């Protein structure tokens, strides 16, 4: 089985404790940063590694899952 590389807006909403609309805003902001750095992005999804680094300071805390 291939491990997922991205979090969806629903997963982000659940982890952060916000609604889907707010999670889409967070994802859009992070995707804009990635685009400015020259990366290709997928609307409505954020790479797990990037999200964990930006939101959790580099590691996904224990007990928090998508």
PDB file of N, CA and C in Angstrom:
ATOM      1  N   UNK A   1       0.830  -1.179   0.000  1.00  0.00           N
ATOM      2  CA  UNK A   1       0.000   0.000   0.000  1.00  0.00           C
ATOM      3  C   UNK A   1       0.877   1.246   0.000  1.00  0.00           C
ATOM      4  N   UNK A   2       0.525   2.204  -0.806  1.00  0.00           N
ATOM      5  CA  UNK A   2       1.290   3.441  -0.900  1.00  0.00           C
ATOM      6  C   UNK A   2       0.822   4.409   0.183  1.00  0.00           C
ATOM      7  N   UNK A   3       1.777   4.970   0.910  1.00  0.00           N
ATOM      8  CA  UNK A   3       1.442   5.942   1.943  1.00  0.00           C
ATOM      9  C   UNK A   3       1.036   7.266   1.303  1.00  0.00           C
ATOM     10  N   UNK A   4      -0.010   7.877   1.839  1.00  0.00           N
ATOM     11  CA  UNK A   4      -0.475   9.151   1.307  1.00  0.00           C
ATOM     12  C   UNK A   4       0.564  10.231   1.572  1.00  0.00           C
ATOM     13  N   UNK A   5       0.748  11.109   0.591  1.00  0.00           N
ATOM     14  CA  UNK A   5       1.705  12.198   0.713  1.00  0.00           C
ATOM     15  C   UNK A   5       1.054  13.502   1.132  1.00  0.00           C
ATOM     16  N   UNK A   6      -0.272  13.576   1.013  1.00  0.00           N
ATOM     17  CA  UNK A   6      -0.995  14.821   1.249  1.00  0.00           C
ATOM     18  C   UNK A   6      -2.050  14.668   2.333  1.00  0.00           C
ATOM     19  N   UNK A   7      -2.342  15.789   3.003  1.00  0.00           N
ATOM     20  CA  UNK A   7      -3.525  15.894   3.852  1.00  0.00           C
ATOM     21  C   UNK A   7      -4.602  16.601   3.037  1.00  0.00           C
ATOM     22  N   UNK A   8      -5.828  16.186   3.234  1.00  0.00           N
ATOM     23  CA  UNK A   8      -6.953  16.876   2.607  1.00  0.00           C
ATOM     24  C   UNK A   8      -7.461  17.967   3.554  1.00  0.00           C
ATOM     25  N   UNK A   9      -8.348  18.810   3.055  1.00  0.00           N
ATOM     26  CA  UNK A   9      -8.925  19.871   3.879  1.00  0.00           C
ATOM     27  C   UNK A   9      -9.692  19.281   5.060  1.00  0.00           C
ATOM     28  N   UNK A  10     -10.370  18.183   4.862  1.00  0.00           N
ATOM     29  CA  UNK A  10     -11.113  17.541   5.954  1.00  0.00           C
ATOM     30  C   UNK A  10     -10.173  17.040   7.043  1.00  0.00           C
ATOM     31  N   UNK A  11      -9.056  16.462   6.638  1.00  0.00           N
ATOM     32  CA  UNK A  11      -8.073  15.973   7.611  1.00  0.00           C
ATOM     33  C   UNK A  11      -7.446  17.130   8.390  1.00  0.00           C
ATOM     34  N   UNK A  12      -7.108  18.200   7.682  1.00  0.00           N
ATOM     35  CA  UNK A  12      -6.530  19.376   8.334  1.00  0.00           C
ATOM     36  C   UNK A  12      -7.533  19.964   9.320  1.00  0.00           C
ATOM     37  N   UNK A  13      -8.799  20.064   8.918  1.00  0.00           N
ATOM     38  CA  UNK A  13      -9.840  20.610   9.793  1.00  0.00           C
ATOM     39  C   UNK A  13      -9.937  19.808  11.088  1.00  0.00           C
ATOM     40  N   UNK A  14      -9.902  18.499  10.962  1.00  0.00           N
ATOM     41  CA  UNK A  14     -10.004  17.622  12.131  1.00  0.00           C
ATOM     42  C   UNK A  14      -8.789  17.769  13.044  1.00  0.00           C
ATOM     43  N   UNK A  15      -7.596  17.818  12.472  1.00  0.00           N
ATOM     44  CA  UNK A  15      -6.377  17.924  13.274  1.00  0.00           C
ATOM     45  C   UNK A  15      -6.276  19.255  14.007  1.00  0.00           C
ATOM     46  N   UNK A  16      -6.654  20.335  13.320  1.00  0.00           N
ATOM     47  CA  UNK A  16      -6.486  21.678  13.856  1.00  0.00           C
ATOM     48  C   UNK A  16      -7.687  22.090  14.703  1.00  0.00           C
ATOM     49  N   UNK A  17      -8.816  21.440  14.496  1.00  0.00           N
ATOM     50  CA  UNK A  17     -10.009  21.766  15.251  1.00  0.00           C
ATOM     51  C   UNK A  17     -10.750  22.977  14.715  1.00  0.00           C
ATOM     52  N   UNK A  18     -10.770  23.089  13.377  1.00  0.00           N
ATOM     53  CA  UNK A  18     -11.472  24.190  12.715  1.00  0.00           C
ATOM     54  C   UNK A  18     -12.418  23.602  11.671  1.00  0.00           C
ATOM     55  N   UNK A  19     -13.226  24.450  11.075  1.00  0.00           N
ATOM     56  CA  UNK A  19     -14.117  24.010  10.010  1.00  0.00           C
ATOM     57  C   UNK A  19     -13.359  23.828   8.705  1.00  0.00           C
ATOM     58  N   UNK A  20     -14.032  23.201   7.742  1.00  0.00           N
ATOM     59  CA  UNK A  20     -13.384  22.956   6.446  1.00  0.00           C
ATOM     60  C   UNK A  20     -13.048  24.248   5.719  1.00  0.00           C
ATOM     61  N   UNK A  21     -13.883  25.271   5.844  1.00  0.00           N
ATOM     62  CA  UNK A  21     -13.609  26.537   5.174  1.00  0.00           C
ATOM     63  C   UNK A  21     -12.295  27.127   5.676  1.00  0.00           C
ATOM     64  N   UNK A  22     -12.094  27.102   6.982  1.00  0.00           N
ATOM     65  CA  UNK A  22     -10.845  27.613   7.559  1.00  0.00           C
ATOM     66  C   UNK A  22      -9.662  26.754   7.146  1.00  0.00           C
ATOM     67  N   UNK A  23      -9.856  25.446   7.094  1.00  0.00           N
ATOM     68  CA  UNK A  23      -8.749  24.573   6.692  1.00  0.00           C
ATOM     69  C   UNK A  23      -8.363  24.821   5.235  1.00  0.00           C
ATOM     70  N   UNK A  24      -9.353  25.108   4.378  1.00  0.00           N
ATOM     71  CA  UNK A  24      -9.031  25.448   2.992  1.00  0.00           C
ATOM     72  C   UNK A  24      -8.192  26.728   2.940  1.00  0.00           C
ATOM     73  N   UNK A  25      -8.501  27.689   3.801  1.00  0.00           N
ATOM     74  CA  UNK A  25      -7.721  28.933   3.849  1.00  0.00           C
ATOM     75  C   UNK A  25      -6.283  28.665   4.283  1.00  0.00           C
ATOM     76  N   UNK A  26      -6.112  27.817   5.296  1.00  0.00           N
ATOM     77  CA  UNK A  26      -4.757  27.455   5.750  1.00  0.00           C
ATOM     78  C   UNK A  26      -3.976  26.770   4.626  1.00  0.00           C
ATOM     79  N   UNK A  27      -4.636  25.835   3.962  1.00  0.00           N
ATOM     80  CA  UNK A  27      -3.991  25.095   2.875  1.00  0.00           C
ATOM     81  C   UNK A  27      -3.625  26.048   1.737  1.00  0.00           C
ATOM     82  N   UNK A  28      -4.530  26.944   1.388  1.00  0.00           N
ATOM     83  CA  UNK A  28      -4.258  27.894   0.313  1.00  0.00           C
ATOM     84  C   UNK A  28      -3.044  28.756   0.649  1.00  0.00           C
ATOM     85  N   UNK A  29      -2.966  29.229   1.879  1.00  0.00           N
ATOM     86  CA  UNK A  29      -1.834  30.052   2.303  1.00  0.00           C
ATOM     87  C   UNK A  29      -0.518  29.273   2.183  1.00  0.00           C
ATOM     88  N   UNK A  30      -0.509  28.043   2.681  1.00  0.00           N
ATOM     89  CA  UNK A  30       0.705  27.223   2.610  1.00  0.00           C
ATOM     90  C   UNK A  30       1.044  26.867   1.166  1.00  0.00           C
ATOM     91  N   UNK A  31       0.029  26.568   0.344  1.00  0.00           N
ATOM     92  CA  UNK A  31       0.283  26.258  -1.065  1.00  0.00           C
ATOM     93  C   UNK A  31       0.853  27.468  -1.801  1.00  0.00           C
ATOM     94  N   UNK A  32       0.399  28.677  -1.451  1.00  0.00           N
ATOM     95  CA  UNK A  32       0.963  29.889  -2.061  1.00  0.00           C
ATOM     96  C   UNK A  32       2.446  30.020  -1.733  1.00  0.00           C
ATOM     97  N   UNK A  33       2.810  29.702  -0.485  1.00  0.00           N
ATOM     98  CA  UNK A  33       4.222  29.729  -0.095  1.00  0.00           C
ATOM     99  C   UNK A  33       5.030  28.728  -0.923  1.00  0.00           C
ATOM    100  N   UNK A  34       4.469  27.529  -1.101  1.00  0.00           N
ATOM    101  CA  UNK A  34       5.157  26.503  -1.882  1.00  0.00           C
ATOM    102  C   UNK A  34       5.304  26.921  -3.344  1.00  0.00           C
ATOM    103  N   UNK A  35       4.257  27.520  -3.913  1.00  0.00           N
ATOM    104  CA  UNK A  35       4.320  27.982  -5.301  1.00  0.00           C
ATOM    105  C   UNK A  35       5.396  29.046  -5.477  1.00  0.00           C
ATOM    106  N   UNK A  36       5.477  29.971  -4.545  1.00  0.00           N
ATOM    107  CA  UNK A  36       6.494  31.019  -4.615  1.00  0.00           C
ATOM    108  C   UNK A  36       7.899  30.436  -4.545  1.00  0.00           C
ATOM    109  N   UNK A  37       8.024  29.290  -3.887  1.00  0.00           N
ATOM    110  CA  UNK A  37       9.317  28.616  -3.784  1.00  0.00           C
ATOM    111  C   UNK A  37       9.588  27.729  -5.003  1.00  0.00           C
ATOM    112  N   UNK A  38       8.631  27.686  -5.949  1.00  0.00           N
ATOM    113  CA  UNK A  38       8.849  26.945  -7.183  1.00  0.00           C
ATOM    114  C   UNK A  38       8.287  25.533  -7.213  1.00  0.00           C
ATOM    115  N   UNK A  39       7.483  25.174  -6.226  1.00  0.00           N
ATOM    116  CA  UNK A  39       6.916  23.833  -6.186  1.00  0.00           C
ATOM    117  C   UNK A  39       5.557  23.788  -6.889  1.00  0.00           C
ATOM    118  N   UNK A  40       5.200  22.623  -7.348  1.00  0.00           N
ATOM    119  CA  UNK A  40       3.886  22.381  -7.925  1.00  0.00           C
ATOM    120  C   UNK A  40       2.968  22.000  -6.771  1.00  0.00           C
ATOM    121  N   UNK A  41       1.757  22.555  -6.751  1.00  0.00           N
ATOM    122  CA  UNK A  41       0.824  22.285  -5.656  1.00  0.00           C
ATOM    123  C   UNK A  41      -0.460  21.668  -6.185  1.00  0.00           C
ATOM    124  N   UNK A  42      -1.195  21.039  -5.285  1.00  0.00           N
ATOM    125  CA  UNK A  42      -2.499  20.461  -5.597  1.00  0.00           C
ATOM    126  C   UNK A  42      -3.529  21.228  -4.766  1.00  0.00           C
ATOM    127  N   UNK A  43      -4.478  21.871  -5.430  1.00  0.00           N
ATOM    128  CA  UNK A  43      -5.509  22.639  -4.721  1.00  0.00           C
ATOM    129  C   UNK A  43      -6.264  21.757  -3.736  1.00  0.00           C
ATOM    130  N   UNK A  44      -6.478  22.291  -2.531  1.00  0.00           N
ATOM    131  CA  UNK A  44      -7.252  21.575  -1.527  1.00  0.00           C
ATOM    132  C   UNK A  44      -6.494  20.505  -0.778  1.00  0.00           C
ATOM    133  N   UNK A  45      -5.214  20.354  -1.083  1.00  0.00           N
ATOM    134  CA  UNK A  45      -4.370  19.369  -0.397  1.00  0.00           C
ATOM    135  C   UNK A  45      -3.039  20.018  -0.069  1.00  0.00           C
ATOM    136  N   UNK A  46      -2.399  19.528   0.988  1.00  0.00           N
ATOM    137  CA  UNK A  46      -1.097  20.050   1.392  1.00  0.00           C
ATOM    138  C   UNK A  46      -0.177  18.865   1.692  1.00  0.00           C
ATOM    139  N   UNK A  47       1.071  18.907   1.235  1.00  0.00           N
ATOM    140  CA  UNK A  47       1.984  17.811   1.560  1.00  0.00           C
ATOM    141  C   UNK A  47       2.099  17.633   3.075  1.00  0.00           C
ATOM    142  N   UNK A  48       1.999  16.393   3.529  1.00  0.00           N
ATOM    143  CA  UNK A  48       2.051  16.099   4.959  1.00  0.00           C
ATOM    144  C   UNK A  48       3.308  16.674   5.604  1.00  0.00           C
ATOM    145  N   UNK A  49       4.429  16.453   4.976  1.00  0.00           N
ATOM    146  CA  UNK A  49       5.705  16.880   5.537  1.00  0.00           C
ATOM    147  C   UNK A  49       5.749  18.400   5.720  1.00  0.00           C
ATOM    148  N   UNK A  50       5.260  19.137   4.733  1.00  0.00           N
ATOM    149  CA  UNK A  50       5.265  20.597   4.809  1.00  0.00           C
ATOM    150  C   UNK A  50       4.301  21.083   5.887  1.00  0.00           C
ATOM    151  N   UNK A  51       3.099  20.511   5.923  1.00  0.00           N
ATOM    152  CA  UNK A  51       2.126  20.912   6.931  1.00  0.00           C
ATOM    153  C   UNK A  51       2.658  20.653   8.335  1.00  0.00           C
ATOM    154  N   UNK A  52       3.207  19.471   8.555  1.00  0.00           N
ATOM    155  CA  UNK A  52       3.736  19.138   9.881  1.00  0.00           C
ATOM    156  C   UNK A  52       4.842  20.101  10.299  1.00  0.00           C
ATOM    157  N   UNK A  53       5.704  20.468   9.356  1.00  0.00           N
ATOM    158  CA  UNK A  53       6.790  21.405   9.660  1.00  0.00           C
ATOM    159  C   UNK A  53       6.251  22.797   9.976  1.00  0.00           C
ATOM    160  N   UNK A  54       5.272  23.256   9.207  1.00  0.00           N
ATOM    161  CA  UNK A  54       4.734  24.602   9.394  1.00  0.00           C
ATOM    162  C   UNK A  54       3.833  24.691  10.622  1.00  0.00           C
ATOM    163  N   UNK A  55       3.020  23.693  10.845  1.00  0.00           N
ATOM    164  CA  UNK A  55       2.022  23.787  11.908  1.00  0.00           C
ATOM    165  C   UNK A  55       2.512  23.220  13.234  1.00  0.00           C
ATOM    166  N   UNK A  56       3.248  22.135  13.185  1.00  0.00           N
ATOM    167  CA  UNK A  56       3.684  21.468  14.411  1.00  0.00           C
ATOM    168  C   UNK A  56       5.167  21.645  14.690  1.00  0.00           C
ATOM    169  N   UNK A  57       5.850  22.440  13.909  1.00  0.00           N
ATOM    170  CA  UNK A  57       7.272  22.673  14.131  1.00  0.00           C
ATOM    171  C   UNK A  57       8.164  21.527  13.709  1.00  0.00           C
ATOM    172  N   UNK A  58       7.684  20.707  12.793  1.00  0.00           N
ATOM    173  CA  UNK A  58       8.545  19.681  12.223  1.00  0.00           C
ATOM    174  C   UNK A  58       8.143  18.259  12.514  1.00  0.00           C
ATOM    175  N   UNK A  59       7.322  18.040  13.529  1.00  0.00           N
ATOM    176  CA  UNK A  59       6.910  16.666  13.797  1.00  0.00           C
ATOM    177  C   UNK A  59       5.452  16.631  14.195  1.00  0.00           C
ATOM    178  N   UNK A  60       4.803  15.595  13.812  1.00  0.00           N
ATOM    179  CA  UNK A  60       3.388  15.413  14.129  1.00  0.00           C
ATOM    180  C   UNK A  60       3.306  14.851  15.534  1.00  0.00           C
ATOM    181  N   UNK A  61       2.650  15.546  16.465  1.00  0.00           N
ATOM    182  CA  UNK A  61       2.603  15.074  17.831  1.00  0.00           C
ATOM    183  C   UNK A  61       1.882  13.732  17.984  1.00  0.00           C
ATOM    184  N   UNK A  62       2.269  12.989  18.997  1.00  0.00           N
ATOM    185  CA  UNK A  62       1.633  11.708  19.280  1.00  0.00           C
ATOM    186  C   UNK A  62       0.155  11.907  19.580  1.00  0.00           C
ATOM    187  N   UNK A  63      -0.655  10.987  19.139  1.00  0.00           N
ATOM    188  CA  UNK A  63      -2.076  11.046  19.418  1.00  0.00           C
ATOM    189  C   UNK A  63      -2.867  11.918  18.467  1.00  0.00           C
ATOM    190  N   UNK A  64      -2.201  12.637  17.584  1.00  0.00           N
ATOM    191  CA  UNK A  64      -2.894  13.473  16.611  1.00  0.00           C
ATOM    192  C   UNK A  64      -2.759  12.796  15.259  1.00  0.00           C
ATOM    193  N   UNK A  65      -3.890  12.441  14.676  1.00  0.00           N
ATOM    194  CA  UNK A  65      -3.841  11.782  13.368  1.00  0.00           C
ATOM    195  C   UNK A  65      -4.938  12.342  12.496  1.00  0.00           C
ATOM    196  N   UNK A  66      -4.729  12.161  11.212  1.00  0.00           N
ATOM    197  CA  UNK A  66      -5.701  12.687  10.243  1.00  0.00           C
ATOM    198  C   UNK A  66      -6.876  11.750  10.116  1.00  0.00           C
TER     199      UNK A  66
END
